[in-house]
């Protein structure tokens, strides 16, 4: 119902726009990029919220030691000029000199040591803890040299140090305190905050002193304003009135309508979030048909993923075959693939002793239309599934209690471009691992701890191949995000769902 109301409102805006002429954008005229986001947190602190909007803003204000090129996956020097592994549990970073924070404070090793030790101390309650729980400590080795100690071997540390971990100004942060810092954040990044009014807006100005060799590039647009707008209909209204130049997460049907408006560019982009069906292959929930690999494979062949992507998910969504997102390091695609084949699915079910199918519950927490479509597919082979919808926290609790034999879920990896952020989470005998495959766990343990990239890739490939061949999961598709922005703006979306506004420019 809510979706239909949004589409109806959009249709009204489009009609009005055609009657009054194309929408006009003032952003280019005064060199101000106007962005609409649904920020609902009262702090801009880099480690005060795990919400997507706060992550986006943190990349504008702050820098990390390294920077991952979203197109190539290469780790490039940012606040650090170079790094080397001293051992499996320690990294040495040589830092960049001549960098200043927005308030003039000089960046040096003290900032890195303070930030990492502050994050490693759980009493500080930095969020999300999963981004820092591998940190042991940091040591100053010289004015521009730092040693980072890990609790255990964790080569994915580079991924976290290239983005999620922003380096704070130690003197300013300690002087003003966490709360005040969250209201008036100071970083080394391409833009600096000039005003923050919670629930209303954030204004930025280009950092004219931004270090010239940053892999982020030099910001082109002089000013930027993020307008905090929770209601999607109001975002559309501001977009059409010319008060906004950029919005995202536009529903697929709405995005299709907006493509007809010449003043807008509409770009659907795949994301790192994937949907999947998970089965109780180990019998953790008790006696279940899902413990038979033939049943799991039958279901895999019965779900018409290509058709569902085309008719429902739409946009930049793509069918996924491996239990990870393709761009993630170690996400081997050399796995068994299950084509839509009802004849084969029925034969497998009969072989497993279910020639007439069976009844089961499919549990889910989001995307009911997708779950309904999956259930309709399964009915084609006699598997009659009842849908049970839950809140996410409730469902994960039940999974941990071993009561959910068949579920439709999604996972976005928190934009971490490494297989350890998804496959290792679900297949190393944790509360959501219903495969409980010791061999898979051993391969993942090796891959998660080896510093040699080839060793990591080889062991991830073994684990992913077995997950697919045993049909422990049926990966379904990647999700898509629709971006809509002024046709006078150069902007390139990326699959990690972190809009890089500092790389935007006017045409």
Protein backbone atom coordinates (compact mmCIF):
# COMPACT_ATOMS: atom_id res chain seq x y z
CA UNK A 1 0.00 0.00 0.00
CA UNK A 2 2.78 2.44 0.94
CA UNK A 3 4.60 1.65 -2.31
CA UNK A 4 1.45 2.39 -4.36
CA UNK A 5 1.02 5.73 -2.59
CA UNK A 6 4.61 6.69 -3.42
CA UNK A 7 4.13 5.77 -7.08
CA UNK A 8 0.86 7.73 -7.22
CA UNK A 9 2.52 10.76 -5.67
CA UNK A 10 5.39 10.49 -8.13
CA UNK A 11 2.98 10.32 -11.05
CA UNK A 12 1.39 13.54 -9.80
CA UNK A 13 4.78 15.26 -9.60
CA UNK A 14 5.69 14.14 -13.10
CA UNK A 15 2.36 15.40 -14.47
CA UNK A 16 2.85 18.75 -12.75
CA UNK A 17 6.41 18.92 -14.01
CA UNK A 18 5.32 18.40 -17.60
CA UNK A 19 2.62 21.05 -17.25
CA UNK A 20 5.01 23.63 -15.83
CA UNK A 21 8.09 22.66 -17.81
CA UNK A 22 11.10 20.62 -16.84
CA UNK A 23 12.33 20.91 -13.25
CA UNK A 24 15.12 23.45 -12.77
CA UNK A 25 18.20 22.71 -10.70
CA UNK A 26 19.91 25.52 -8.82
CA UNK A 27 22.79 23.36 -7.56
CA UNK A 28 25.07 23.89 -10.53
CA UNK A 29 24.38 27.62 -10.60
CA UNK A 30 25.68 28.22 -7.08
CA UNK A 31 28.11 25.27 -7.10
CA UNK A 32 26.22 23.45 -4.34
CA UNK A 33 25.34 19.77 -4.53
CA UNK A 34 22.02 19.24 -2.73
CA UNK A 35 21.53 15.68 -1.48
CA UNK A 36 18.51 14.03 0.12
CA UNK A 37 19.23 11.41 2.81
CA UNK A 38 17.20 9.78 5.58
CA UNK A 39 19.67 10.38 8.42
CA UNK A 40 18.10 9.69 11.83
CA UNK A 41 21.09 9.92 14.16
CA UNK A 42 21.92 12.99 16.23
CA UNK A 43 25.69 12.65 15.90
CA UNK A 44 28.05 12.72 12.94
CA UNK A 45 30.79 10.94 14.89
CA UNK A 46 32.56 8.35 12.75
CA UNK A 47 31.97 5.62 15.33
CA UNK A 48 28.65 6.68 16.83
CA UNK A 49 26.32 4.91 14.39
CA UNK A 50 26.45 1.95 12.01
CA UNK A 51 23.65 3.36 9.83
CA UNK A 52 24.42 3.54 6.12
CA UNK A 53 23.96 7.33 6.00
CA UNK A 54 26.54 7.85 8.74
CA UNK A 55 28.98 5.60 6.90
CA UNK A 56 28.54 7.71 3.74
CA UNK A 57 29.11 10.96 5.60
CA UNK A 58 32.18 9.64 7.40
CA UNK A 59 33.93 8.97 4.08
CA UNK A 60 33.40 12.63 3.15
CA UNK A 61 34.77 14.04 6.42
CA UNK A 62 37.55 11.60 7.25
CA UNK A 63 40.24 9.47 5.61
CA UNK A 64 41.56 6.02 6.42
CA UNK A 65 45.14 4.82 6.32
CA UNK A 66 44.45 3.20 2.95
CA UNK A 67 41.75 3.54 0.30
CA UNK A 68 40.20 0.73 -1.71
CA UNK A 69 39.58 1.56 -5.34
CA UNK A 70 35.93 0.47 -5.81
CA UNK A 71 36.50 -0.44 -9.44
CA UNK A 72 39.72 -2.48 -9.13
CA UNK A 73 39.66 -3.52 -5.46
CA UNK A 74 43.27 -2.31 -5.13
CA UNK A 75 44.39 -0.88 -1.78
CA UNK A 76 45.96 2.52 -2.39
CA UNK A 77 47.96 4.72 0.00
CA UNK A 78 45.99 7.48 1.70
CA UNK A 79 47.02 8.70 5.17
CA UNK A 80 49.62 5.94 5.04
CA UNK A 81 52.14 5.93 2.22
CA UNK A 82 53.07 2.26 2.60
CA UNK A 83 52.46 -0.81 4.73
CA UNK A 84 54.10 -4.18 5.33
CA UNK A 85 53.29 -7.26 7.35
CA UNK A 86 55.87 -7.60 10.14
CA UNK A 87 54.25 -10.87 11.19
CA UNK A 88 50.88 -12.59 10.82
CA UNK A 89 49.57 -10.43 13.64
CA UNK A 90 51.30 -7.08 13.10
CA UNK A 91 51.35 -4.41 10.41
CA UNK A 92 53.75 -1.51 9.99
CA UNK A 93 52.47 1.72 8.41
CA UNK A 94 54.60 4.56 7.12
CA UNK A 95 52.45 7.68 7.32
CA UNK A 96 52.03 10.65 5.01
CA UNK A 97 53.57 13.93 6.18
CA UNK A 98 52.17 17.40 5.58
CA UNK A 99 48.49 16.52 6.17
CA UNK A 100 46.32 18.78 8.30
CA UNK A 101 42.90 18.34 9.87
CA UNK A 102 40.16 20.80 9.02
CA UNK A 103 41.01 22.94 12.06
CA UNK A 104 44.74 23.03 11.35
CA UNK A 105 45.80 20.24 13.71
CA UNK A 106 48.72 18.35 12.16
CA UNK A 107 48.21 14.68 11.33
CA UNK A 108 50.87 12.32 12.68
CA UNK A 109 51.41 8.97 14.36
CA UNK A 110 49.79 10.14 17.59
CA UNK A 111 46.42 10.41 15.82
CA UNK A 112 46.63 6.86 14.47
CA UNK A 113 47.74 5.36 17.77
CA UNK A 114 45.04 7.20 19.70
CA UNK A 115 42.28 6.24 17.25
CA UNK A 116 43.14 2.55 17.05
CA UNK A 117 43.67 2.13 20.79
CA UNK A 118 40.43 4.00 21.49
CA UNK A 119 38.57 1.66 19.11
CA UNK A 120 40.22 -1.44 20.61
CA UNK A 121 38.96 -0.51 24.07
CA UNK A 122 35.44 -1.96 24.29
CA UNK A 123 34.59 0.44 27.14
CA UNK A 124 34.38 3.22 24.56
CA UNK A 125 31.49 1.40 22.84
CA UNK A 126 32.50 2.38 19.31
CA UNK A 127 30.09 1.00 16.74
CA UNK A 128 29.92 -1.30 14.98
CA UNK A 129 32.21 -3.47 17.09
CA UNK A 130 32.64 -6.04 14.30
CA UNK A 131 34.82 -3.45 12.50
CA UNK A 132 37.31 -3.27 15.36
CA UNK A 133 37.13 -6.49 17.38
CA UNK A 134 40.25 -7.84 15.65
CA UNK A 135 42.36 -4.92 16.95
CA UNK A 136 44.73 -5.52 19.84
CA UNK A 137 46.64 -2.23 20.05
CA UNK A 138 48.72 0.32 18.16
CA UNK A 139 52.24 1.54 18.94
CA UNK A 140 54.11 4.65 17.86
CA UNK A 141 57.45 3.81 16.25
CA UNK A 142 58.31 7.33 15.16
CA UNK A 143 56.60 10.63 14.30
CA UNK A 144 55.21 9.06 11.11
CA UNK A 145 55.44 5.33 11.74
CA UNK A 146 52.93 3.06 13.51
CA UNK A 147 52.75 -0.62 14.38
CA UNK A 148 49.26 -2.16 14.47
CA UNK A 149 48.86 -5.31 16.56
CA UNK A 150 46.08 -7.79 15.78
CA UNK A 151 44.52 -10.21 18.27
CA UNK A 152 45.10 -13.02 15.80
CA UNK A 153 46.00 -13.44 12.14
CA UNK A 154 43.47 -11.42 10.15
CA UNK A 155 44.55 -10.36 6.65
CA UNK A 156 41.18 -8.64 6.05
CA UNK A 157 42.46 -5.94 8.44
CA UNK A 158 43.55 -4.00 5.36
CA UNK A 159 39.95 -3.84 4.16
CA UNK A 160 38.82 -2.27 7.43
CA UNK A 161 41.77 0.12 7.56
CA UNK A 162 40.95 1.27 4.03
CA UNK A 163 37.48 2.56 4.80
CA UNK A 164 35.47 1.81 7.95
CA UNK A 165 38.24 3.02 10.26
CA UNK A 166 38.58 6.80 10.04
CA UNK A 167 41.52 8.45 11.77
CA UNK A 168 40.50 11.00 14.43
CA UNK A 169 42.45 14.10 15.53
CA UNK A 170 43.66 12.98 18.95
CA UNK A 171 44.15 16.47 20.43
CA UNK A 172 40.79 17.88 19.35
CA UNK A 173 38.82 14.74 20.21
CA UNK A 174 40.25 14.53 23.72
CA UNK A 175 39.83 18.26 24.29
CA UNK A 176 36.16 18.60 23.29
CA UNK A 177 34.91 15.10 24.11
CA UNK A 178 32.97 12.58 22.09
CA UNK A 179 29.56 14.27 22.24
CA UNK A 180 30.77 17.69 21.14
CA UNK A 181 32.97 16.13 18.47
CA UNK A 182 29.92 14.37 17.02
CA UNK A 183 28.22 17.75 16.62
CA UNK A 184 31.28 19.49 15.18
CA UNK A 185 33.34 16.76 13.48
CA UNK A 186 36.89 17.43 12.35
CA UNK A 187 38.68 15.24 9.82
CA UNK A 188 41.30 15.29 7.09
CA UNK A 189 38.77 14.44 4.35
CA UNK A 190 37.80 16.20 1.12
CA UNK A 191 34.93 18.17 2.71
CA UNK A 192 34.56 19.88 6.06
CA UNK A 193 31.33 20.43 7.97
CA UNK A 194 30.30 24.06 8.40
CA UNK A 195 26.93 23.42 10.08
CA UNK A 196 25.00 20.47 11.45
CA UNK A 197 21.39 20.76 12.56
CA UNK A 198 20.13 17.36 13.65
CA UNK A 199 16.99 16.32 11.81
CA UNK A 200 17.33 19.15 9.30
CA UNK A 201 20.57 19.47 7.34
CA UNK A 202 24.35 19.30 7.15
CA UNK A 203 26.35 21.82 5.14
CA UNK A 204 29.87 21.24 3.84
CA UNK A 205 32.53 23.22 2.05
CA UNK A 206 35.39 21.87 -0.02
CA UNK A 207 38.62 21.30 1.90
CA UNK A 208 40.96 23.55 -0.07
CA UNK A 209 43.94 22.10 1.79
CA UNK A 210 43.06 18.46 1.02
CA UNK A 211 46.26 16.50 0.42
CA UNK A 212 47.01 16.50 -3.29
CA UNK A 213 47.98 12.83 -3.63
CA UNK A 214 44.82 11.41 -2.08
CA UNK A 215 43.46 8.45 -4.05
CA UNK A 216 40.00 9.91 -3.47
CA UNK A 217 40.95 12.73 -5.82
CA UNK A 218 40.42 16.43 -5.31
CA UNK A 219 36.80 17.51 -4.73
CA UNK A 220 35.36 19.44 -7.65
CA UNK A 221 32.14 20.91 -6.27
CA UNK A 222 32.62 23.81 -3.85
CA UNK A 223 29.67 23.30 -1.50
CA UNK A 224 27.49 20.41 -0.47
CA UNK A 225 24.27 20.27 1.53
CA UNK A 226 22.68 17.10 2.85
CA UNK A 227 19.01 17.68 3.54
CA UNK A 228 17.66 15.22 6.07
CA UNK A 229 14.33 14.07 4.64
CA UNK A 230 12.73 10.91 5.99
CA UNK A 231 9.65 10.87 3.74
CA UNK A 232 10.21 9.58 0.21
CA UNK A 233 7.31 11.61 -1.20
CA UNK A 234 8.86 14.80 0.16
CA UNK A 235 12.18 13.81 -1.44
CA UNK A 236 10.39 13.53 -4.79
CA UNK A 237 8.76 16.93 -4.26
CA UNK A 238 12.10 18.58 -3.51
CA UNK A 239 13.71 16.82 -6.45
CA UNK A 240 11.05 18.16 -8.84
CA UNK A 241 11.17 21.65 -7.37
CA UNK A 242 14.93 21.78 -7.96
CA UNK A 243 15.80 21.90 -4.25
CA UNK A 244 17.52 18.52 -4.48
CA UNK A 245 20.05 17.33 -7.06
CA UNK A 246 20.46 13.74 -5.84
CA UNK A 247 18.39 11.00 -4.17
CA UNK A 248 18.70 7.24 -4.01
CA UNK A 249 16.94 4.03 -2.96
CA UNK A 250 14.13 4.91 -5.34
CA UNK A 251 11.69 2.00 -5.88
CA UNK A 252 12.10 0.29 -9.24
CA UNK A 253 8.68 1.30 -10.60
CA UNK A 254 9.24 4.91 -9.58
CA UNK A 255 12.70 4.91 -11.14
CA UNK A 256 11.19 3.71 -14.41
CA UNK A 257 8.78 6.64 -14.42
CA UNK A 258 11.56 9.11 -13.67
CA UNK A 259 13.53 7.93 -16.68
CA UNK A 260 10.97 9.78 -18.81
CA UNK A 261 12.01 13.12 -17.30
CA UNK A 262 14.91 14.53 -19.30
CA UNK A 263 16.35 16.56 -16.44
CA UNK A 264 17.06 13.40 -14.42
CA UNK A 265 19.62 10.66 -14.78
CA UNK A 266 18.44 7.31 -13.42
CA UNK A 267 21.10 4.67 -12.69
CA UNK A 268 20.30 1.22 -11.28
CA UNK A 269 23.35 -0.27 -9.58
CA UNK A 270 23.81 -3.71 -8.08
CA UNK A 271 24.77 -3.81 -4.41
CA UNK A 272 26.77 -6.13 -2.19
CA UNK A 273 23.58 -7.27 -0.45
CA UNK A 274 22.55 -10.72 -1.62
CA UNK A 275 19.43 -12.74 -0.93
CA UNK A 276 19.66 -16.44 -0.14
CA UNK A 277 17.71 -19.49 0.98
CA UNK A 278 19.32 -21.33 3.89
CA UNK A 279 18.57 -24.95 4.77
CA UNK A 280 19.00 -27.02 7.91
CA UNK A 281 21.41 -29.49 6.34
CA UNK A 282 22.73 -30.84 9.64
CA UNK A 283 19.40 -31.59 11.31
CA UNK A 284 20.05 -28.96 13.97
CA UNK A 285 16.33 -28.22 14.19
CA UNK A 286 15.32 -31.87 14.36
CA UNK A 287 13.98 -34.18 11.67
CA UNK A 288 13.50 -32.20 8.45
CA UNK A 289 13.48 -32.92 4.70
CA UNK A 290 16.17 -30.25 4.39
CA UNK A 291 18.74 -32.64 5.83
CA UNK A 292 18.67 -34.54 2.50
CA UNK A 293 20.94 -32.96 -0.11
CA UNK A 294 18.60 -34.14 -2.87
CA UNK A 295 15.78 -32.08 -1.39
CA UNK A 296 17.98 -29.01 -1.17
CA UNK A 297 19.08 -29.44 -4.77
CA UNK A 298 15.48 -29.96 -5.87
CA UNK A 299 14.53 -26.62 -4.31
CA UNK A 300 17.55 -24.99 -5.97
CA UNK A 301 16.34 -26.19 -9.38
CA UNK A 302 12.74 -25.17 -8.65
CA UNK A 303 13.37 -21.47 -7.98
CA UNK A 304 13.36 -19.48 -11.21
CA UNK A 305 15.87 -16.86 -10.11
CA UNK A 306 16.31 -15.27 -13.54
CA UNK A 307 12.57 -14.68 -13.86
CA UNK A 308 12.27 -13.30 -10.33
CA UNK A 309 15.13 -10.86 -10.90
CA UNK A 310 13.54 -9.67 -14.13
CA UNK A 311 9.97 -9.34 -12.82
CA UNK A 312 10.43 -8.40 -9.16
CA UNK A 313 13.89 -7.36 -8.00
CA UNK A 314 14.69 -5.45 -11.21
CA UNK A 315 17.23 -2.66 -11.62
CA UNK A 316 20.85 -3.75 -11.48
CA UNK A 317 20.09 -7.00 -9.63
CA UNK A 318 21.86 -10.12 -10.87
CA UNK A 319 21.54 -13.84 -10.14
CA UNK A 320 24.22 -14.99 -7.69
CA UNK A 321 25.64 -18.54 -7.64
CA UNK A 322 28.35 -18.44 -4.97
CA UNK A 323 27.77 -17.72 -1.26
CA UNK A 324 29.30 -14.25 -1.48
CA UNK A 325 29.20 -11.13 -3.63
CA UNK A 326 31.33 -11.50 -6.80
CA UNK A 327 33.55 -8.47 -6.17
CA UNK A 328 34.60 -9.65 -2.71
CA UNK A 329 38.14 -10.93 -2.39
CA UNK A 330 38.09 -14.73 -2.59
CA UNK A 331 34.58 -15.00 -4.04
CA UNK A 332 35.26 -17.84 -6.45
CA UNK A 333 32.63 -18.35 -9.17
CA UNK A 334 33.85 -21.86 -9.94
CA UNK A 335 30.93 -23.50 -8.15
CA UNK A 336 27.99 -25.73 -9.02
CA UNK A 337 25.18 -23.72 -10.62
CA UNK A 338 21.53 -24.70 -10.40
CA UNK A 339 19.53 -23.91 -13.53
CA UNK A 340 15.76 -23.65 -13.36
CA UNK A 341 14.65 -27.21 -14.18
CA UNK A 342 11.36 -28.51 -12.79
CA UNK A 343 11.82 -31.98 -14.30
CA UNK A 344 15.15 -32.46 -12.57
CA UNK A 345 13.76 -30.98 -9.33
CA UNK A 346 10.82 -33.44 -9.29
CA UNK A 347 13.12 -36.37 -10.01
CA UNK A 348 15.39 -35.40 -7.09
CA UNK A 349 12.43 -35.10 -4.75
CA UNK A 350 11.13 -38.53 -5.79
CA UNK A 351 14.58 -40.02 -5.30
CA UNK A 352 14.65 -38.54 -1.80
CA UNK A 353 11.32 -40.19 -0.99
CA UNK A 354 9.02 -37.21 -1.55
CA UNK A 355 7.35 -37.90 -4.93
CA UNK A 356 4.35 -35.79 -3.90
CA UNK A 357 6.36 -33.10 -2.14
CA UNK A 358 5.91 -32.05 1.48
CA UNK A 359 4.82 -29.17 3.69
CA UNK A 360 7.22 -26.78 5.41
CA UNK A 361 7.43 -23.22 6.76
CA UNK A 362 9.56 -20.58 5.04
CA UNK A 363 10.67 -17.94 7.55
CA UNK A 364 11.66 -14.42 6.42
CA UNK A 365 12.02 -10.89 7.74
CA UNK A 366 11.70 -8.69 4.62
CA UNK A 367 10.58 -8.58 0.98
CA UNK A 368 7.34 -10.48 1.36
CA UNK A 369 6.56 -10.27 -2.39
CA UNK A 370 9.85 -12.03 -3.13
CA UNK A 371 9.14 -14.71 -0.54
CA UNK A 372 5.63 -15.20 -1.97
CA UNK A 373 7.10 -15.66 -5.45
CA UNK A 374 9.60 -18.23 -4.17
CA UNK A 375 6.77 -20.13 -2.48
CA UNK A 376 4.81 -20.11 -5.74
CA UNK A 377 7.84 -21.59 -7.53
CA UNK A 378 8.15 -24.33 -4.92
CA UNK A 379 4.52 -25.28 -5.30
CA UNK A 380 5.41 -26.32 -8.84
CA UNK A 381 7.24 -29.35 -7.43
CA UNK A 382 4.80 -30.08 -4.63
CA UNK A 383 6.71 -28.33 -1.83
CA UNK A 384 3.94 -26.42 -0.05
CA UNK A 385 5.51 -23.68 2.06
CA UNK A 386 3.72 -21.43 4.53
CA UNK A 387 5.32 -18.01 4.94
CA UNK A 388 6.12 -16.78 8.44
CA UNK A 389 7.27 -13.15 8.62
CA UNK A 390 9.30 -11.85 11.59
CA UNK A 391 11.19 -8.82 12.79
CA UNK A 392 14.89 -9.29 11.99
CA UNK A 393 16.01 -9.51 15.63
CA UNK A 394 13.27 -12.02 16.42
CA UNK A 395 14.17 -14.23 13.48
CA UNK A 396 17.90 -14.25 14.19
CA UNK A 397 17.13 -15.17 17.80
CA UNK A 398 15.03 -18.13 16.65
CA UNK A 399 17.79 -19.18 14.23
CA UNK A 400 20.25 -19.18 17.11
CA UNK A 401 17.83 -21.38 19.05
CA UNK A 402 17.86 -23.96 16.22
CA UNK A 403 14.17 -23.64 15.35
CA UNK A 404 14.22 -22.42 11.72
CA UNK A 405 14.86 -25.23 9.17
CA UNK A 406 14.18 -23.15 6.04
CA UNK A 407 14.63 -19.40 5.70
CA UNK A 408 14.84 -16.56 3.19
CA UNK A 409 17.41 -14.00 4.31
CA UNK A 410 19.72 -11.29 3.00
CA UNK A 411 23.21 -10.10 3.91
CA UNK A 412 25.06 -6.95 2.81
CA UNK A 413 28.51 -7.62 4.34
CA UNK A 414 28.51 -4.01 5.64
CA UNK A 415 30.23 -3.10 2.34
CA UNK A 416 33.34 -5.10 3.34
CA UNK A 417 34.86 -6.37 0.12
CA UNK A 418 36.18 -9.63 1.55
CA UNK A 419 34.64 -13.12 1.76
CA UNK A 420 35.37 -13.22 5.49
CA UNK A 421 32.54 -10.71 5.92
CA UNK A 422 29.91 -13.14 4.65
CA UNK A 423 30.91 -16.78 4.04
CA UNK A 424 32.99 -17.03 7.20
CA UNK A 425 30.21 -15.48 9.24
CA UNK A 426 27.71 -18.15 8.22
CA UNK A 427 29.82 -21.29 7.83
CA UNK A 428 32.20 -21.39 10.82
CA UNK A 429 29.83 -23.10 13.27
CA UNK A 430 28.30 -19.86 14.53
CA UNK A 431 24.64 -19.57 15.58
CA UNK A 432 23.46 -19.14 11.97
CA UNK A 433 25.46 -22.07 10.58
CA UNK A 434 23.07 -24.96 9.95
CA UNK A 435 25.56 -26.82 7.75
CA UNK A 436 28.07 -27.48 10.54
CA UNK A 437 30.55 -28.80 7.99
CA UNK A 438 33.93 -29.25 9.65
CA UNK A 439 35.82 -29.34 6.34
CA UNK A 440 34.30 -26.05 5.21
CA UNK A 441 35.16 -24.49 8.56
CA UNK A 442 38.79 -25.64 8.31
CA UNK A 443 39.17 -24.12 4.83
CA UNK A 444 37.64 -20.86 6.00
CA UNK A 445 39.86 -20.77 9.08
CA UNK A 446 42.94 -21.05 6.85
CA UNK A 447 41.69 -18.44 4.39
CA UNK A 448 40.72 -16.00 7.15
CA UNK A 449 44.16 -16.11 8.75
CA UNK A 450 46.68 -16.53 5.89
CA UNK A 451 48.53 -13.40 4.78
CA UNK A 452 49.36 -14.94 1.41
CA UNK A 453 46.57 -13.92 -1.03
CA UNK A 454 46.95 -17.10 -3.11
CA UNK A 455 46.48 -19.31 -0.04
CA UNK A 456 43.40 -17.33 0.90
CA UNK A 457 41.89 -17.61 -2.57
CA UNK A 458 42.55 -21.36 -2.82
CA UNK A 459 40.90 -22.14 0.49
CA UNK A 460 37.94 -19.83 -0.02
CA UNK A 461 37.41 -21.51 -3.40
CA UNK A 462 37.32 -24.97 -1.76
CA UNK A 463 34.83 -23.84 0.86
CA UNK A 464 32.56 -22.09 -1.63
CA UNK A 465 32.62 -25.08 -4.00
CA UNK A 466 31.48 -27.45 -1.27
CA UNK A 467 28.81 -25.05 0.02
CA UNK A 468 27.37 -24.99 -3.51
CA UNK A 469 27.74 -28.71 -4.26
CA UNK A 470 26.02 -29.64 -0.99
CA UNK A 471 23.43 -26.87 -1.47
CA UNK A 472 23.86 -25.60 2.08
CA UNK A 473 22.66 -22.25 0.73
CA UNK A 474 20.90 -21.26 -2.44
CA UNK A 475 22.24 -17.77 -3.25
CA UNK A 476 19.45 -15.96 -5.09
CA UNK A 477 20.39 -12.50 -6.37
CA UNK A 478 22.18 -9.31 -5.58
CA UNK A 479 19.94 -6.43 -4.62
CA UNK A 480 19.81 -3.18 -6.56
CA UNK A 481 19.72 0.49 -5.61
CA UNK A 482 18.27 3.10 -7.95
CA UNK A 483 19.99 6.48 -8.01
CA UNK A 484 18.24 9.56 -9.44
CA UNK A 485 20.12 12.81 -9.91
CA UNK A 486 20.32 15.96 -11.97
CA UNK A 487 21.37 15.37 -15.57
CA UNK A 488 23.90 18.17 -15.10
CA UNK A 489 25.77 16.07 -12.51
CA UNK A 490 28.55 13.57 -13.14
CA UNK A 491 28.11 10.81 -10.58
CA UNK A 492 29.08 7.13 -10.64
CA UNK A 493 27.41 4.67 -8.22
CA UNK A 494 29.38 1.71 -6.83
CA UNK A 495 28.23 -1.70 -5.62
CA UNK A 496 29.36 -1.06 -2.03
CA UNK A 497 26.54 1.50 -1.64
CA UNK A 498 28.91 4.24 -0.52
CA UNK A 499 28.21 7.26 -2.74
CA UNK A 500 31.48 9.09 -3.28
CA UNK A 501 30.22 12.65 -3.46
CA UNK A 502 33.78 13.94 -3.38
CA UNK A 503 34.24 12.49 -6.87
CA UNK A 504 31.09 14.11 -8.30
CA UNK A 505 31.33 17.07 -10.66
CA UNK A 506 29.15 19.31 -12.80
CA UNK A 507 28.95 18.71 -16.53
